[in-house]
N, C-alpha and C. Protein backbone atom coordinates (compact mmCIF):
# COMPACT_ATOMS: atom_id res chain seq x y z
N MET A 1 1.11 20.91 -16.21
CA MET A 1 1.85 19.66 -16.07
C MET A 1 1.02 18.53 -16.67
N THR A 2 1.61 17.72 -17.52
CA THR A 2 0.89 16.61 -18.13
C THR A 2 0.78 15.46 -17.15
N ASP A 3 -0.19 14.58 -17.41
CA ASP A 3 -0.39 13.44 -16.52
C ASP A 3 0.85 12.56 -16.42
N SER A 4 1.60 12.43 -17.52
CA SER A 4 2.77 11.56 -17.50
C SER A 4 3.89 12.12 -16.63
N MET A 5 3.81 13.40 -16.29
CA MET A 5 4.85 14.01 -15.47
C MET A 5 4.47 14.09 -13.99
N LYS A 6 3.27 13.71 -13.63
CA LYS A 6 2.88 13.70 -12.23
C LYS A 6 3.68 12.63 -11.49
N GLU A 7 3.98 12.90 -10.22
CA GLU A 7 4.71 11.94 -9.39
C GLU A 7 3.72 11.12 -8.57
N TYR A 8 3.81 9.81 -8.71
CA TYR A 8 2.94 8.86 -8.01
C TYR A 8 3.77 8.14 -6.96
N VAL A 9 3.31 8.18 -5.71
CA VAL A 9 4.04 7.51 -4.63
C VAL A 9 3.06 6.60 -3.88
N LEU A 10 3.33 5.31 -3.92
CA LEU A 10 2.55 4.33 -3.20
C LEU A 10 3.32 3.99 -1.94
N THR A 11 2.72 4.20 -0.78
CA THR A 11 3.36 3.90 0.50
C THR A 11 2.67 2.70 1.13
N LEU A 12 3.45 1.72 1.51
CA LEU A 12 2.96 0.51 2.17
C LEU A 12 3.59 0.42 3.54
N VAL A 13 2.77 0.28 4.56
CA VAL A 13 3.25 0.20 5.94
C VAL A 13 2.97 -1.21 6.44
N GLN A 14 4.02 -1.88 6.88
CA GLN A 14 3.89 -3.25 7.38
C GLN A 14 5.04 -3.56 8.32
N HIS A 15 4.85 -4.58 9.12
CA HIS A 15 5.93 -5.04 9.98
C HIS A 15 6.72 -6.10 9.24
N THR A 16 7.98 -5.86 9.01
CA THR A 16 8.78 -6.83 8.28
C THR A 16 8.97 -8.12 9.08
N TYR A 17 8.80 -8.05 10.37
CA TYR A 17 9.04 -9.21 11.23
C TYR A 17 7.76 -9.85 11.74
N CYS A 18 6.63 -9.59 11.09
CA CYS A 18 5.35 -10.16 11.51
C CYS A 18 5.04 -11.38 10.65
N THR A 19 5.23 -12.58 11.19
CA THR A 19 4.98 -13.80 10.43
C THR A 19 3.49 -13.99 10.14
N ASP A 20 2.61 -13.36 10.92
CA ASP A 20 1.18 -13.49 10.70
C ASP A 20 0.72 -12.79 9.42
N CYS A 21 1.51 -11.86 8.92
CA CYS A 21 1.14 -11.11 7.72
C CYS A 21 1.96 -11.55 6.51
N ALA A 22 2.45 -12.79 6.51
CA ALA A 22 3.34 -13.27 5.46
C ALA A 22 2.70 -13.18 4.07
N THR A 23 1.43 -13.52 3.95
CA THR A 23 0.76 -13.47 2.65
C THR A 23 0.77 -12.06 2.10
N LEU A 24 0.47 -11.10 2.94
CA LEU A 24 0.46 -9.70 2.51
C LEU A 24 1.88 -9.25 2.15
N LYS A 25 2.87 -9.67 2.94
CA LYS A 25 4.26 -9.29 2.64
C LYS A 25 4.70 -9.85 1.29
N ASN A 26 4.25 -11.06 0.94
CA ASN A 26 4.60 -11.62 -0.36
C ASN A 26 4.01 -10.78 -1.49
N LYS A 27 2.78 -10.31 -1.31
CA LYS A 27 2.16 -9.47 -2.33
C LYS A 27 2.87 -8.13 -2.45
N ILE A 28 3.30 -7.58 -1.32
CA ILE A 28 4.04 -6.32 -1.33
C ILE A 28 5.35 -6.52 -2.09
N ALA A 29 6.05 -7.62 -1.83
CA ALA A 29 7.32 -7.89 -2.50
C ALA A 29 7.12 -8.01 -4.01
N GLU A 30 6.06 -8.68 -4.44
CA GLU A 30 5.78 -8.82 -5.87
C GLU A 30 5.53 -7.46 -6.52
N VAL A 31 4.75 -6.62 -5.86
CA VAL A 31 4.47 -5.29 -6.41
C VAL A 31 5.74 -4.46 -6.46
N TYR A 32 6.55 -4.56 -5.43
CA TYR A 32 7.81 -3.80 -5.40
C TYR A 32 8.71 -4.23 -6.57
N ILE A 33 8.84 -5.52 -6.78
CA ILE A 33 9.67 -6.03 -7.87
C ILE A 33 9.10 -5.61 -9.22
N LEU A 34 7.79 -5.77 -9.41
CA LEU A 34 7.18 -5.43 -10.69
C LEU A 34 7.18 -3.93 -10.96
N SER A 35 7.30 -3.13 -9.92
CA SER A 35 7.37 -1.68 -10.11
C SER A 35 8.64 -1.30 -10.86
N GLY A 36 9.59 -2.22 -10.92
CA GLY A 36 10.83 -1.98 -11.65
C GLY A 36 10.73 -2.26 -13.15
N LEU A 37 9.58 -2.78 -13.60
CA LEU A 37 9.41 -3.01 -15.04
C LEU A 37 9.43 -1.68 -15.78
N GLN A 38 10.10 -1.67 -16.91
CA GLN A 38 10.14 -0.44 -17.71
C GLN A 38 8.80 -0.22 -18.38
N ARG A 39 8.23 0.94 -18.13
CA ARG A 39 6.97 1.34 -18.76
C ARG A 39 7.15 2.70 -19.41
N GLY A 40 8.29 2.90 -20.02
CA GLY A 40 8.58 4.19 -20.64
C GLY A 40 8.74 5.28 -19.59
N GLU A 41 8.35 6.49 -19.94
CA GLU A 41 8.44 7.63 -19.02
C GLU A 41 7.62 7.42 -17.76
N GLN A 42 6.54 6.61 -17.86
CA GLN A 42 5.66 6.35 -16.72
C GLN A 42 6.45 5.80 -15.52
N SER A 43 7.37 4.89 -15.79
CA SER A 43 8.09 4.24 -14.70
C SER A 43 9.02 5.20 -13.95
N LYS A 44 9.40 6.30 -14.58
CA LYS A 44 10.25 7.28 -13.91
C LYS A 44 9.48 8.11 -12.89
N HIS A 45 8.17 8.04 -12.94
CA HIS A 45 7.33 8.87 -12.07
C HIS A 45 6.44 8.01 -11.17
N TRP A 46 6.84 6.77 -10.92
CA TRP A 46 6.13 5.84 -10.05
C TRP A 46 7.11 5.34 -9.00
N ARG A 47 6.79 5.58 -7.73
CA ARG A 47 7.68 5.11 -6.65
C ARG A 47 6.88 4.31 -5.64
N VAL A 48 7.55 3.34 -5.05
CA VAL A 48 6.95 2.53 -3.99
C VAL A 48 7.83 2.71 -2.76
N GLN A 49 7.20 3.05 -1.65
CA GLN A 49 7.90 3.22 -0.36
C GLN A 49 7.41 2.16 0.60
N LEU A 50 8.31 1.48 1.25
CA LEU A 50 7.94 0.52 2.28
C LEU A 50 8.36 1.10 3.63
N VAL A 51 7.43 1.08 4.57
CA VAL A 51 7.69 1.61 5.91
C VAL A 51 7.41 0.49 6.91
N SER A 52 8.34 0.29 7.81
CA SER A 52 8.16 -0.69 8.88
C SER A 52 8.31 0.04 10.21
N PRO A 53 7.20 0.44 10.80
CA PRO A 53 7.26 1.19 12.06
C PRO A 53 7.59 0.29 13.25
N PRO A 54 7.90 0.90 14.38
CA PRO A 54 8.19 0.09 15.58
C PRO A 54 7.05 -0.86 15.90
N TRP A 55 7.41 -2.01 16.46
CA TRP A 55 6.40 -3.00 16.85
C TRP A 55 5.52 -2.44 17.97
N ASP A 56 6.13 -1.77 18.93
CA ASP A 56 5.40 -1.20 20.07
C ASP A 56 4.45 -0.11 19.55
N ARG A 57 3.16 -0.36 19.70
CA ARG A 57 2.13 0.55 19.19
C ARG A 57 2.28 1.96 19.76
N ASN A 58 2.73 2.09 20.99
CA ASN A 58 2.87 3.40 21.62
C ASN A 58 4.02 4.22 21.03
N LYS A 59 4.94 3.57 20.34
CA LYS A 59 6.10 4.28 19.77
C LYS A 59 5.94 4.55 18.27
N ARG A 60 4.84 4.08 17.65
CA ARG A 60 4.67 4.20 16.20
C ARG A 60 4.39 5.60 15.68
N ARG A 61 3.68 6.42 16.44
CA ARG A 61 3.19 7.70 15.93
C ARG A 61 4.29 8.55 15.30
N ARG A 62 5.44 8.62 15.92
CA ARG A 62 6.49 9.51 15.40
C ARG A 62 7.06 9.04 14.06
N GLU A 63 6.93 7.74 13.74
CA GLU A 63 7.46 7.21 12.49
C GLU A 63 6.38 6.86 11.48
N PHE A 64 5.12 6.93 11.90
CA PHE A 64 4.03 6.51 11.02
C PHE A 64 3.76 7.59 9.97
N PRO A 65 3.58 7.22 8.71
CA PRO A 65 3.33 8.22 7.66
C PRO A 65 2.04 9.00 7.91
N ALA A 66 2.03 10.24 7.48
CA ALA A 66 0.82 11.07 7.59
C ALA A 66 -0.26 10.53 6.66
N GLY A 67 -1.50 10.87 6.96
CA GLY A 67 -2.61 10.50 6.08
C GLY A 67 -3.48 9.38 6.62
N PHE A 68 -3.13 8.86 7.80
CA PHE A 68 -3.92 7.79 8.40
C PHE A 68 -4.50 8.26 9.73
N SER A 69 -5.68 7.76 10.06
CA SER A 69 -6.34 8.19 11.29
C SER A 69 -5.73 7.56 12.53
N ASP A 70 -5.07 6.41 12.38
CA ASP A 70 -4.42 5.78 13.53
C ASP A 70 -3.13 5.10 13.07
N VAL A 71 -2.52 4.35 13.94
CA VAL A 71 -1.21 3.75 13.63
C VAL A 71 -1.28 2.24 13.43
N ASP A 72 -2.43 1.74 13.03
CA ASP A 72 -2.58 0.31 12.80
C ASP A 72 -1.87 -0.12 11.53
N VAL A 73 -1.29 -1.31 11.59
CA VAL A 73 -0.57 -1.92 10.49
C VAL A 73 -1.37 -3.14 10.06
N PRO A 74 -1.53 -3.41 8.77
CA PRO A 74 -0.91 -2.77 7.62
C PRO A 74 -1.66 -1.49 7.22
N ALA A 75 -1.02 -0.75 6.34
CA ALA A 75 -1.63 0.48 5.81
C ALA A 75 -1.09 0.70 4.39
N LEU A 76 -1.90 1.38 3.59
CA LEU A 76 -1.52 1.67 2.21
C LEU A 76 -2.07 3.04 1.85
N LYS A 77 -1.27 3.84 1.15
CA LYS A 77 -1.77 5.11 0.65
C LYS A 77 -1.12 5.42 -0.69
N LEU A 78 -1.84 6.19 -1.49
CA LEU A 78 -1.34 6.64 -2.78
C LEU A 78 -1.41 8.16 -2.79
N GLU A 79 -0.30 8.77 -3.15
CA GLU A 79 -0.23 10.22 -3.29
C GLU A 79 0.17 10.55 -4.73
N ILE A 80 -0.45 11.59 -5.26
CA ILE A 80 -0.09 12.08 -6.60
C ILE A 80 0.32 13.52 -6.43
N ASP A 81 1.56 13.81 -6.81
CA ASP A 81 2.13 15.15 -6.64
C ASP A 81 1.97 15.66 -5.20
N GLY A 82 2.17 14.76 -4.25
CA GLY A 82 2.12 15.13 -2.84
C GLY A 82 0.72 15.24 -2.26
N ARG A 83 -0.30 14.96 -3.06
CA ARG A 83 -1.70 15.04 -2.60
C ARG A 83 -2.23 13.63 -2.37
N LEU A 84 -2.76 13.38 -1.18
CA LEU A 84 -3.31 12.08 -0.83
C LEU A 84 -4.57 11.82 -1.65
N VAL A 85 -4.60 10.71 -2.39
CA VAL A 85 -5.79 10.37 -3.19
C VAL A 85 -6.48 9.11 -2.69
N ALA A 86 -5.75 8.26 -1.96
CA ALA A 86 -6.36 7.04 -1.43
C ALA A 86 -5.55 6.56 -0.24
N ALA A 87 -6.26 6.08 0.78
CA ALA A 87 -5.60 5.52 1.96
C ALA A 87 -6.53 4.49 2.58
N THR A 88 -5.94 3.40 3.05
CA THR A 88 -6.72 2.38 3.74
C THR A 88 -5.83 1.62 4.71
N GLN A 89 -6.47 1.11 5.75
CA GLN A 89 -5.79 0.24 6.71
C GLN A 89 -6.52 -1.08 6.85
N ALA A 90 -7.42 -1.35 5.89
CA ALA A 90 -8.17 -2.60 5.89
C ALA A 90 -7.35 -3.68 5.17
N PRO A 91 -6.90 -4.72 5.87
CA PRO A 91 -6.06 -5.73 5.25
C PRO A 91 -6.66 -6.35 3.99
N GLY A 92 -7.96 -6.61 3.97
CA GLY A 92 -8.60 -7.19 2.79
C GLY A 92 -8.54 -6.27 1.59
N VAL A 93 -8.74 -4.99 1.83
CA VAL A 93 -8.67 -4.00 0.75
C VAL A 93 -7.23 -3.88 0.25
N ILE A 94 -6.28 -3.84 1.17
CA ILE A 94 -4.87 -3.75 0.78
C ILE A 94 -4.49 -4.96 -0.07
N SER A 95 -4.92 -6.14 0.33
CA SER A 95 -4.64 -7.35 -0.42
C SER A 95 -5.22 -7.26 -1.83
N ALA A 96 -6.46 -6.78 -1.95
CA ALA A 96 -7.10 -6.64 -3.26
C ALA A 96 -6.37 -5.61 -4.12
N VAL A 97 -5.95 -4.50 -3.52
CA VAL A 97 -5.20 -3.48 -4.26
C VAL A 97 -3.89 -4.05 -4.77
N LEU A 98 -3.17 -4.78 -3.94
CA LEU A 98 -1.88 -5.34 -4.34
C LEU A 98 -2.03 -6.37 -5.46
N ALA A 99 -3.07 -7.20 -5.38
CA ALA A 99 -3.31 -8.19 -6.43
C ALA A 99 -3.61 -7.50 -7.75
N LYS A 100 -4.46 -6.49 -7.71
CA LYS A 100 -4.81 -5.75 -8.93
C LYS A 100 -3.61 -4.98 -9.46
N LEU A 101 -2.84 -4.40 -8.57
CA LEU A 101 -1.67 -3.63 -8.96
C LEU A 101 -0.62 -4.53 -9.63
N LYS A 102 -0.45 -5.73 -9.11
CA LYS A 102 0.48 -6.69 -9.72
C LYS A 102 0.08 -6.94 -11.17
N GLN A 103 -1.20 -7.17 -11.40
CA GLN A 103 -1.71 -7.41 -12.74
C GLN A 103 -1.48 -6.18 -13.64
N MET A 104 -1.78 -5.00 -13.12
CA MET A 104 -1.64 -3.78 -13.92
C MET A 104 -0.18 -3.48 -14.26
N LEU A 105 0.72 -3.72 -13.32
CA LEU A 105 2.15 -3.51 -13.58
C LEU A 105 2.65 -4.50 -14.64
N THR A 106 2.20 -5.75 -14.54
CA THR A 106 2.58 -6.76 -15.52
C THR A 106 2.10 -6.35 -16.92
N GLU A 107 0.91 -5.77 -16.98
CA GLU A 107 0.35 -5.33 -18.26
C GLU A 107 0.92 -3.98 -18.70
N ARG A 108 1.77 -3.41 -17.85
CA ARG A 108 2.44 -2.14 -18.14
C ARG A 108 1.46 -1.00 -18.41
N LEU A 109 0.43 -0.94 -17.57
CA LEU A 109 -0.57 0.12 -17.70
C LEU A 109 -0.01 1.45 -17.21
N SER A 110 -0.67 2.53 -17.54
CA SER A 110 -0.20 3.87 -17.17
C SER A 110 -0.39 4.13 -15.68
N ASN A 111 0.39 5.07 -15.17
CA ASN A 111 0.26 5.47 -13.77
C ASN A 111 -1.15 5.98 -13.50
N GLU A 112 -1.69 6.75 -14.42
CA GLU A 112 -3.04 7.29 -14.25
C GLU A 112 -4.07 6.18 -14.13
N HIS A 113 -3.96 5.17 -14.97
CA HIS A 113 -4.89 4.03 -14.92
C HIS A 113 -4.76 3.29 -13.59
N MET A 114 -3.51 3.04 -13.17
CA MET A 114 -3.30 2.33 -11.91
C MET A 114 -3.83 3.15 -10.73
N ALA A 115 -3.62 4.45 -10.76
CA ALA A 115 -4.11 5.31 -9.68
C ALA A 115 -5.62 5.27 -9.59
N SER A 116 -6.28 5.26 -10.73
CA SER A 116 -7.74 5.20 -10.75
C SER A 116 -8.24 3.90 -10.12
N GLU A 117 -7.63 2.78 -10.50
CA GLU A 117 -8.03 1.48 -9.95
C GLU A 117 -7.74 1.39 -8.46
N ILE A 118 -6.57 1.87 -8.04
CA ILE A 118 -6.22 1.85 -6.62
C ILE A 118 -7.22 2.67 -5.82
N THR A 119 -7.54 3.85 -6.32
CA THR A 119 -8.49 4.73 -5.63
C THR A 119 -9.85 4.06 -5.51
N ASN A 120 -10.33 3.46 -6.59
CA ASN A 120 -11.63 2.77 -6.55
C ASN A 120 -11.64 1.64 -5.54
N LEU A 121 -10.59 0.84 -5.53
CA LEU A 121 -10.52 -0.28 -4.58
C LEU A 121 -10.37 0.22 -3.14
N ALA A 122 -9.56 1.24 -2.93
CA ALA A 122 -9.33 1.75 -1.58
C ALA A 122 -10.59 2.33 -0.96
N HIS A 123 -11.48 2.82 -1.80
CA HIS A 123 -12.73 3.40 -1.30
C HIS A 123 -13.87 2.39 -1.30
N SER A 124 -13.57 1.14 -1.60
CA SER A 124 -14.60 0.10 -1.62
C SER A 124 -14.76 -0.50 -0.22
N ASN A 125 -15.73 -1.35 -0.08
CA ASN A 125 -15.98 -2.01 1.21
C ASN A 125 -15.64 -3.49 1.14
N ILE A 126 -14.55 -3.82 0.47
CA ILE A 126 -14.12 -5.21 0.32
C ILE A 126 -13.85 -5.82 1.69
N LYS A 127 -14.34 -7.01 1.89
CA LYS A 127 -14.07 -7.75 3.12
C LYS A 127 -13.49 -9.11 2.73
N LEU A 128 -12.20 -9.26 2.86
CA LEU A 128 -11.54 -10.53 2.57
C LEU A 128 -10.96 -11.06 3.87
N GLU A 129 -11.75 -11.80 4.59
CA GLU A 129 -11.35 -12.26 5.92
C GLU A 129 -10.09 -13.12 5.90
N ASP A 130 -9.86 -13.84 4.82
CA ASP A 130 -8.68 -14.71 4.75
C ASP A 130 -7.38 -13.92 4.73
N ASP A 131 -7.45 -12.65 4.36
CA ASP A 131 -6.23 -11.85 4.23
C ASP A 131 -6.01 -10.92 5.41
N THR A 132 -6.76 -11.11 6.48
CA THR A 132 -6.56 -10.26 7.65
C THR A 132 -5.55 -10.89 8.59
N CYS A 133 -4.76 -10.05 9.20
CA CYS A 133 -3.80 -10.53 10.19
C CYS A 133 -4.59 -11.00 11.40
N PRO A 134 -4.33 -12.20 11.91
CA PRO A 134 -5.09 -12.72 13.05
C PRO A 134 -4.79 -12.02 14.37
N LEU A 135 -3.76 -11.19 14.42
CA LEU A 135 -3.46 -10.49 15.66
C LEU A 135 -4.50 -9.41 15.91
N VAL A 136 -5.06 -9.39 17.08
CA VAL A 136 -6.04 -8.38 17.44
C VAL A 136 -5.29 -7.24 18.14
N PRO A 137 -5.34 -5.99 17.61
CA PRO A 137 -4.55 -4.89 18.17
C PRO A 137 -4.71 -4.70 19.67
N GLU A 138 -5.94 -4.79 20.17
CA GLU A 138 -6.15 -4.56 21.60
C GLU A 138 -5.52 -5.67 22.44
N ALA A 139 -5.66 -6.91 21.97
CA ALA A 139 -5.17 -8.03 22.75
C ALA A 139 -3.65 -8.17 22.69
N ALA A 140 -3.09 -7.90 21.53
CA ALA A 140 -1.66 -8.11 21.36
C ALA A 140 -0.85 -6.82 21.42
N ASN A 141 -1.54 -5.67 21.49
CA ASN A 141 -0.92 -4.36 21.53
C ASN A 141 -0.09 -4.09 20.27
N VAL A 142 -0.54 -4.66 19.14
CA VAL A 142 0.07 -4.43 17.84
C VAL A 142 -1.03 -4.20 16.84
N GLY A 143 -0.65 -3.71 15.63
CA GLY A 143 -1.70 -3.45 14.65
C GLY A 143 -1.51 -4.11 13.37
């Protein structure tokens, strides 16, 4: 199978009704819209999934996507041909990935190139405190 025929699925988990994560939701919306740009055959093999699990943390497990160690929101993962290649639940890292992905989609880069950048960022130790949701999971019983 050639690289251009691999299936790339980016999954983003967020609460659609969380006003505290509005900045992140705006970045998700931009990436979702830009994912519709025609990039030849590449665009036919790139999908974005948005998941909004229940607000109640105790009810999230049954709807939360596989590949994460817990059910904290936000979350992001990239799978290629059904194989998990990157996953993170760090809001700062997710924000950095979305910003970079927006740029790469605008430049109409290949799926392989985008996957490489996403993987590198997801495995980094980026700390962007301004992009973290101020809700503390233990105190508010949300993630």
